PDB file of N, CA and C in Angstrom:
ATOM      1  N   MET A   1     109.598  65.911  56.855  1.00  0.00           N
ATOM      2  CA  MET A   1     108.535  64.676  55.420  1.00  0.00           C
ATOM      3  C   MET A   1     110.727  64.546  55.141  1.00  0.00           C
ATOM      4  N   GLN A   2     110.183  63.254  55.067  1.00  0.00           N
ATOM      5  CA  GLN A   2     111.881  62.725  54.958  1.00  0.00           C
ATOM      6  C   GLN A   2     112.450  62.596  52.936  1.00  0.00           C
ATOM      7  N   LYS A   3     113.341  63.415  52.858  1.00  0.00           N
ATOM      8  CA  LYS A   3     113.772  63.610  51.514  1.00  0.00           C
ATOM      9  C   LYS A   3     114.328  62.175  51.363  1.00  0.00           C
ATOM     10  N   LEU A   4     113.676  61.716  49.788  1.00  0.00           N
ATOM     11  CA  LEU A   4     113.953  60.536  49.329  1.00  0.00           C
ATOM     12  C   LEU A   4     115.080  60.759  47.402  1.00  0.00           C
ATOM     13  N   TYR A   5     116.291  59.833  48.217  1.00  0.00           N
ATOM     14  CA  TYR A   5     117.327  59.824  47.053  1.00  0.00           C
ATOM     15  C   TYR A   5     117.112  58.945  46.306  1.00  0.00           C
ATOM     16  N   TRP A   6     117.698  58.481  45.174  1.00  0.00           N
ATOM     17  CA  TRP A   6     117.179  57.155  44.323  1.00  0.00           C
ATOM     18  C   TRP A   6     117.725  55.818  45.311  1.00  0.00           C
ATOM     19  N   ASP A   7     118.429  55.689  45.971  1.00  0.00           N
ATOM     20  CA  ASP A   7     119.374  54.869  46.655  1.00  0.00           C
ATOM     21  C   ASP A   7     117.929  54.231  47.745  1.00  0.00           C
ATOM     22  N   SER A   8     117.280  54.575  47.801  1.00  0.00           N
ATOM     23  CA  SER A   8     115.666  55.298  49.081  1.00  0.00           C
ATOM     24  C   SER A   8     114.509  54.816  48.946  1.00  0.00           C
ATOM     25  N   THR A   9     114.780  53.339  47.978  1.00  0.00           N
ATOM     26  CA  THR A   9     114.067  51.815  46.814  1.00  0.00           C
ATOM     27  C   THR A   9     112.410  52.039  47.906  1.00  0.00           C
ATOM     28  N   TYR A  10     112.144  51.533  49.329  1.00  0.00           N
ATOM     29  CA  TYR A  10     111.778  51.070  49.698  1.00  0.00           C
ATOM     30  C   TYR A  10     110.787  52.611  50.196  1.00  0.00           C
ATOM     31  N   ALA A  11     110.900  53.464  50.455  1.00  0.00           N
ATOM     32  CA  ALA A  11     110.967  54.343  50.635  1.00  0.00           C
ATOM     33  C   ALA A  11     110.257  55.656  49.234  1.00  0.00           C
ATOM     34  N   ILE A  12     110.469  54.963  48.413  1.00  0.00           N
ATOM     35  CA  ILE A  12     109.655  55.757  47.288  1.00  0.00           C
ATOM     36  C   ILE A  12     108.744  54.866  47.001  1.00  0.00           C
ATOM     37  N   ALA A  13     108.743  53.631  46.960  1.00  0.00           N
ATOM     38  CA  ALA A  13     107.733  52.903  46.674  1.00  0.00           C
ATOM     39  C   ALA A  13     107.030  52.642  47.025  1.00  0.00           C
ATOM     40  N   MET A  14     106.753  53.232  48.330  1.00  0.00           N
ATOM     41  CA  MET A  14     105.341  53.987  49.057  1.00  0.00           C
ATOM     42  C   MET A  14     104.866  54.717  48.847  1.00  0.00           C
ATOM     43  N   SER A  15     105.845  55.582  48.995  1.00  0.00           N
ATOM     44  CA  SER A  15     105.104  57.003  48.325  1.00  0.00           C
ATOM     45  C   SER A  15     104.660  57.130  47.445  1.00  0.00           C
ATOM     46  N   LEU A  16     105.145  56.223  46.459  1.00  0.00           N
ATOM     47  CA  LEU A  16     104.896  56.369  44.826  1.00  0.00           C
ATOM     48  C   LEU A  16     103.264  55.356  45.120  1.00  0.00           C
ATOM     49  N   ILE A  17     102.811  54.954  45.930  1.00  0.00           N
ATOM     50  CA  ILE A  17     101.861  53.737  46.107  1.00  0.00           C
ATOM     51  C   ILE A  17     100.706  54.798  47.079  1.00  0.00           C
ATOM     52  N   LYS A  18     101.323  55.914  47.943  1.00  0.00           N
ATOM     53  CA  LYS A  18     100.790  56.313  48.948  1.00  0.00           C
ATOM     54  C   LYS A  18      99.893  57.446  47.495  1.00  0.00           C
ATOM     55  N   THR A  19     100.733  58.079  47.029  1.00  0.00           N
ATOM     56  CA  THR A  19     100.663  59.949  45.700  1.00  0.00           C
ATOM     57  C   THR A  19      99.580  59.306  43.931  1.00  0.00           C
ATOM     58  N   HIS A  20     100.023  57.754  44.250  1.00  0.00           N
ATOM     59  CA  HIS A  20      99.903  57.545  43.239  1.00  0.00           C
ATOM     60  C   HIS A  20      98.580  56.087  42.924  1.00  0.00           C
ATOM     61  N   PRO A  21      97.772  55.613  44.277  1.00  0.00           N
ATOM     62  CA  PRO A  21      97.367  54.894  44.506  1.00  0.00           C
ATOM     63  C   PRO A  21      96.835  53.935  43.112  1.00  0.00           C
ATOM     64  N   GLN A  22      95.444  55.066  42.147  1.00  0.00           N
ATOM     65  CA  GLN A  22      94.981  54.327  41.160  1.00  0.00           C
ATOM     66  C   GLN A  22      96.662  53.374  39.502  1.00  0.00           C
ATOM     67  N   LEU A  23      97.983  53.782  39.687  1.00  0.00           N
ATOM     68  CA  LEU A  23      98.331  53.592  38.777  1.00  0.00           C
ATOM     69  C   LEU A  23      98.297  51.893  39.015  1.00  0.00           C
ATOM     70  N   ASP A  24      99.172  51.176  37.927  1.00  0.00           N
ATOM     71  CA  ASP A  24      99.341  50.008  38.169  1.00  0.00           C
ATOM     72  C   ASP A  24     101.215  50.037  37.570  1.00  0.00           C
ATOM     73  N   PRO A  25     102.047  49.365  38.576  1.00  0.00           N
ATOM     74  CA  PRO A  25     103.254  49.645  38.553  1.00  0.00           C
ATOM     75  C   PRO A  25     103.637  49.216  37.432  1.00  0.00           C
ATOM     76  N   ILE A  26     103.017  47.963  36.460  1.00  0.00           N
ATOM     77  CA  ILE A  26     103.679  47.019  35.653  1.00  0.00           C
ATOM     78  C   ILE A  26     103.338  48.277  34.139  1.00  0.00           C
ATOM     79  N   GLU A  27     101.755  48.831  34.397  1.00  0.00           N
ATOM     80  CA  GLU A  27     101.979  50.066  32.561  1.00  0.00           C
ATOM     81  C   GLU A  27     103.019  51.146  33.081  1.00  0.00           C
ATOM     82  N   VAL A  28     104.113  51.559  33.891  1.00  0.00           N
ATOM     83  CA  VAL A  28     104.465  52.432  33.708  1.00  0.00           C
ATOM     84  C   VAL A  28     105.858  52.343  33.384  1.00  0.00           C
ATOM     85  N   GLY A  29     106.495  53.294  32.475  1.00  0.00           N
ATOM     86  CA  GLY A  29     107.920  52.980  31.863  1.00  0.00           C
ATOM     87  C   GLY A  29     108.906  53.413  32.291  1.00  0.00           C
ATOM     88  N   VAL A  30     110.126  54.075  32.269  1.00  0.00           N
ATOM     89  CA  VAL A  30     111.199  54.142  33.140  1.00  0.00           C
ATOM     90  C   VAL A  30     111.010  55.618  32.386  1.00  0.00           C
ATOM     91  N   VAL A  31     110.870  56.331  31.596  1.00  0.00           N
ATOM     92  CA  VAL A  31     111.315  57.380  31.372  1.00  0.00           C
ATOM     93  C   VAL A  31     109.326  58.489  32.212  1.00  0.00           C
ATOM     94  N   GLU A  32     108.336  57.726  32.136  1.00  0.00           N
ATOM     95  CA  GLU A  32     107.463  57.972  33.073  1.00  0.00           C
ATOM     96  C   GLU A  32     107.568  58.103  34.980  1.00  0.00           C
ATOM     97  N   LEU A  33     108.318  56.295  34.942  1.00  0.00           N
ATOM     98  CA  LEU A  33     108.427  56.512  36.407  1.00  0.00           C
ATOM     99  C   LEU A  33     109.660  57.319  37.129  1.00  0.00           C
ATOM    100  N   ALA A  34     110.490  57.783  36.326  1.00  0.00           N
ATOM    101  CA  ALA A  34     111.420  57.921  36.673  1.00  0.00           C
ATOM    102  C   ALA A  34     111.126  60.054  36.444  1.00  0.00           C
ATOM    103  N   ASP A  35     109.465  60.295  35.784  1.00  0.00           N
ATOM    104  CA  ASP A  35     109.605  61.344  36.222  1.00  0.00           C
ATOM    105  C   ASP A  35     107.923  61.788  37.549  1.00  0.00           C
ATOM    106  N   LEU A  36     107.400  60.791  37.884  1.00  0.00           N
ATOM    107  CA  LEU A  36     106.731  61.144  38.965  1.00  0.00           C
ATOM    108  C   LEU A  36     107.454  60.329  40.342  1.00  0.00           C
ATOM    109  N   ILE A  37     108.549  59.517  40.008  1.00  0.00           N
ATOM    110  CA  ILE A  37     109.864  59.878  41.560  1.00  0.00           C
ATOM    111  C   ILE A  37     110.350  61.082  41.733  1.00  0.00           C
ATOM    112  N   GLU A  38     110.186  61.859  41.114  1.00  0.00           N
ATOM    113  CA  GLU A  38     111.440  63.328  40.779  1.00  0.00           C
ATOM    114  C   GLU A  38     110.175  63.809  40.618  1.00  0.00           C
ATOM    115  N   ALA A  39     109.198  63.670  40.971  1.00  0.00           N
ATOM    116  CA  ALA A  39     107.868  64.658  41.270  1.00  0.00           C
ATOM    117  C   ALA A  39     107.201  64.802  42.723  1.00  0.00           C
ATOM    118  N   LEU A  40     107.820  63.051  43.792  1.00  0.00           N
ATOM    119  CA  LEU A  40     107.036  63.400  44.563  1.00  0.00           C
ATOM    120  C   LEU A  40     107.427  63.796  46.075  1.00  0.00           C
ATOM    121  N   PRO A  41     106.944  64.544  46.128  1.00  0.00           N
ATOM    122  CA  PRO A  41     107.108  65.332  46.973  1.00  0.00           C
ATOM    123  C   PRO A  41     108.494  64.890  48.227  1.00  0.00           C
ATOM    124  N   GLY A  42     109.537  65.258  48.747  1.00  0.00           N
ATOM    125  CA  GLY A  42     110.827  65.093  49.526  1.00  0.00           C
ATOM    126  C   GLY A  42     111.769  64.590  48.528  1.00  0.00           C
ATOM    127  N   PHE A  43     111.107  64.905  47.332  1.00  0.00           N
ATOM    128  CA  PHE A  43     112.725  64.149  46.000  1.00  0.00           C
ATOM    129  C   PHE A  43     113.642  64.555  46.226  1.00  0.00           C
ATOM    130  N   ALA A  44     114.852  64.511  46.525  1.00  0.00           N
ATOM    131  CA  ALA A  44     115.731  65.854  46.673  1.00  0.00           C
ATOM    132  C   ALA A  44     117.235  65.521  45.686  1.00  0.00           C
ATOM    133  N   ASP A  45     117.078  64.518  45.446  1.00  0.00           N
ATOM    134  CA  ASP A  45     117.993  64.384  44.318  1.00  0.00           C
ATOM    135  C   ASP A  45     118.281  63.900  43.410  1.00  0.00           C
ATOM    136  N   ASP A  46     119.511  64.213  42.358  1.00  0.00           N
ATOM    137  CA  ASP A  46     120.427  65.256  41.132  1.00  0.00           C
ATOM    138  C   ASP A  46     119.700  64.186  40.366  1.00  0.00           C
ATOM    139  N   PRO A  47     118.423  64.734  39.216  1.00  0.00           N
ATOM    140  CA  PRO A  47     117.904  63.556  38.386  1.00  0.00           C
ATOM    141  C   PRO A  47     118.333  62.810  37.255  1.00  0.00           C
ATOM    142  N   ALA A  48     120.130  63.594  37.236  1.00  0.00           N
ATOM    143  CA  ALA A  48     121.042  63.080  36.458  1.00  0.00           C
ATOM    144  C   ALA A  48     121.836  61.872  36.968  1.00  0.00           C
ATOM    145  N   LEU A  49     121.656  61.156  37.325  1.00  0.00           N
ATOM    146  CA  LEU A  49     121.899  60.660  38.880  1.00  0.00           C
ATOM    147  C   LEU A  49     121.065  59.074  38.082  1.00  0.00           C
ATOM    148  N   VAL A  50     119.679  58.444  38.117  1.00  0.00           N
ATOM    149  CA  VAL A  50     119.148  58.123  38.406  1.00  0.00           C
ATOM    150  C   VAL A  50     119.683  56.734  36.421  1.00  0.00           C
ATOM    151  N   THR A  51     119.888  54.920  36.878  1.00  0.00           N
ATOM    152  CA  THR A  51     119.879  54.253  36.352  1.00  0.00           C
ATOM    153  C   THR A  51     118.985  53.481  35.776  1.00  0.00           C
ATOM    154  N   GLU A  52     118.893  53.282  34.640  1.00  0.00           N
ATOM    155  CA  GLU A  52     117.527  52.130  34.662  1.00  0.00           C
ATOM    156  C   GLU A  52     117.914  51.198  35.424  1.00  0.00           C
ATOM    157  N   ARG A  53     118.462  50.113  35.797  1.00  0.00           N
ATOM    158  CA  ARG A  53     118.118  49.172  37.183  1.00  0.00           C
ATOM    159  C   ARG A  53     118.424  50.018  38.254  1.00  0.00           C
ATOM    160  N   ILE A  54     118.463  51.276  38.896  1.00  0.00           N
ATOM    161  CA  ILE A  54     117.563  51.731  39.559  1.00  0.00           C
ATOM    162  C   ILE A  54     115.872  51.801  39.658  1.00  0.00           C
ATOM    163  N   LEU A  55     115.909  52.644  38.695  1.00  0.00           N
ATOM    164  CA  LEU A  55     114.624  52.772  38.242  1.00  0.00           C
ATOM    165  C   LEU A  55     113.283  51.266  37.787  1.00  0.00           C
ATOM    166  N   GLN A  56     114.115  50.145  37.285  1.00  0.00           N
ATOM    167  CA  GLN A  56     114.044  48.469  37.971  1.00  0.00           C
ATOM    168  C   GLN A  56     113.513  48.199  38.897  1.00  0.00           C
ATOM    169  N   ASP A  57     114.720  48.910  40.040  1.00  0.00           N
ATOM    170  CA  ASP A  57     114.413  47.981  41.225  1.00  0.00           C
ATOM    171  C   ASP A  57     113.683  48.627  42.169  1.00  0.00           C
ATOM    172  N   ILE A  58     113.292  50.338  41.068  1.00  0.00           N
ATOM    173  CA  ILE A  58     112.191  50.649  42.432  1.00  0.00           C
ATOM    174  C   ILE A  58     110.448  50.084  41.632  1.00  0.00           C
ATOM    175  N   GLN A  59     110.568  49.751  40.366  1.00  0.00           N
ATOM    176  CA  GLN A  59     109.273  49.419  40.097  1.00  0.00           C
ATOM    177  C   GLN A  59     109.079  47.900  40.550  1.00  0.00           C
ATOM    178  N   ILE A  60     109.650  47.293  41.182  1.00  0.00           N
ATOM    179  CA  ILE A  60     109.253  46.421  41.169  1.00  0.00           C
ATOM    180  C   ILE A  60     109.035  45.905  42.871  1.00  0.00           C
ATOM    181  N   VAL A  61     109.547  46.658  44.017  1.00  0.00           N
ATOM    182  CA  VAL A  61     108.990  47.288  45.268  1.00  0.00           C
ATOM    183  C   VAL A  61     108.147  47.763  45.275  1.00  0.00           C
ATOM    184  N   TRP A  62     107.712  48.625  44.413  1.00  0.00           N
ATOM    185  CA  TRP A  62     107.119  49.105  44.041  1.00  0.00           C
ATOM    186  C   TRP A  62     105.604  48.181  43.375  1.00  0.00           C
ATOM    187  N   PHE A  63     105.305  47.361  42.585  1.00  0.00           N
ATOM    188  CA  PHE A  63     104.420  45.982  41.857  1.00  0.00           C
ATOM    189  C   PHE A  63     104.451  44.575  43.290  1.00  0.00           C
ATOM    190  N   GLU A  64     105.569  44.512  44.304  1.00  0.00           N
ATOM    191  CA  GLU A  64     104.833  44.293  45.532  1.00  0.00           C
ATOM    192  C   GLU A  64     104.499  44.643  46.864  1.00  0.00           C
ATOM    193  N   GLU A  65     105.213  46.033  46.657  1.00  0.00           N
ATOM    194  CA  GLU A  65     104.006  46.698  47.914  1.00  0.00           C
ATOM    195  C   GLU A  65     102.893  46.282  47.589  1.00  0.00           C
ATOM    196  N   LYS A  66     102.191  46.415  46.493  1.00  0.00           N
ATOM    197  CA  LYS A  66     100.686  46.912  45.616  1.00  0.00           C
ATOM    198  C   LYS A  66     100.160  45.678  45.998  1.00  0.00           C
ATOM    199  N   SER A  67     101.058  44.854  45.262  1.00  0.00           N
ATOM    200  CA  SER A  67     100.248  43.396  45.195  1.00  0.00           C
ATOM    201  C   SER A  67      99.801  42.369  46.715  1.00  0.00           C
ATOM    202  N   ALA A  68     100.781  43.333  47.526  1.00  0.00           N
ATOM    203  CA  ALA A  68     100.666  42.438  49.347  1.00  0.00           C
ATOM    204  C   ALA A  68      99.439  42.678  50.227  1.00  0.00           C
TER     205      ALA A  68
END
């Protein structure tokens, strides 16, 4: 299993699509998004290192890939 870190933007987005296909990325707030990411299988980073910018970047990629 691939380990996920905050800078694994694309891998995290793809994992969110696979794990939570029913969720609309636009409807997920930053706190909920952080919780969803930290609960992903393989997530191995320090939760204290996340920033709002990182979460926004992940959310954008998640939205774009889900919409494709």
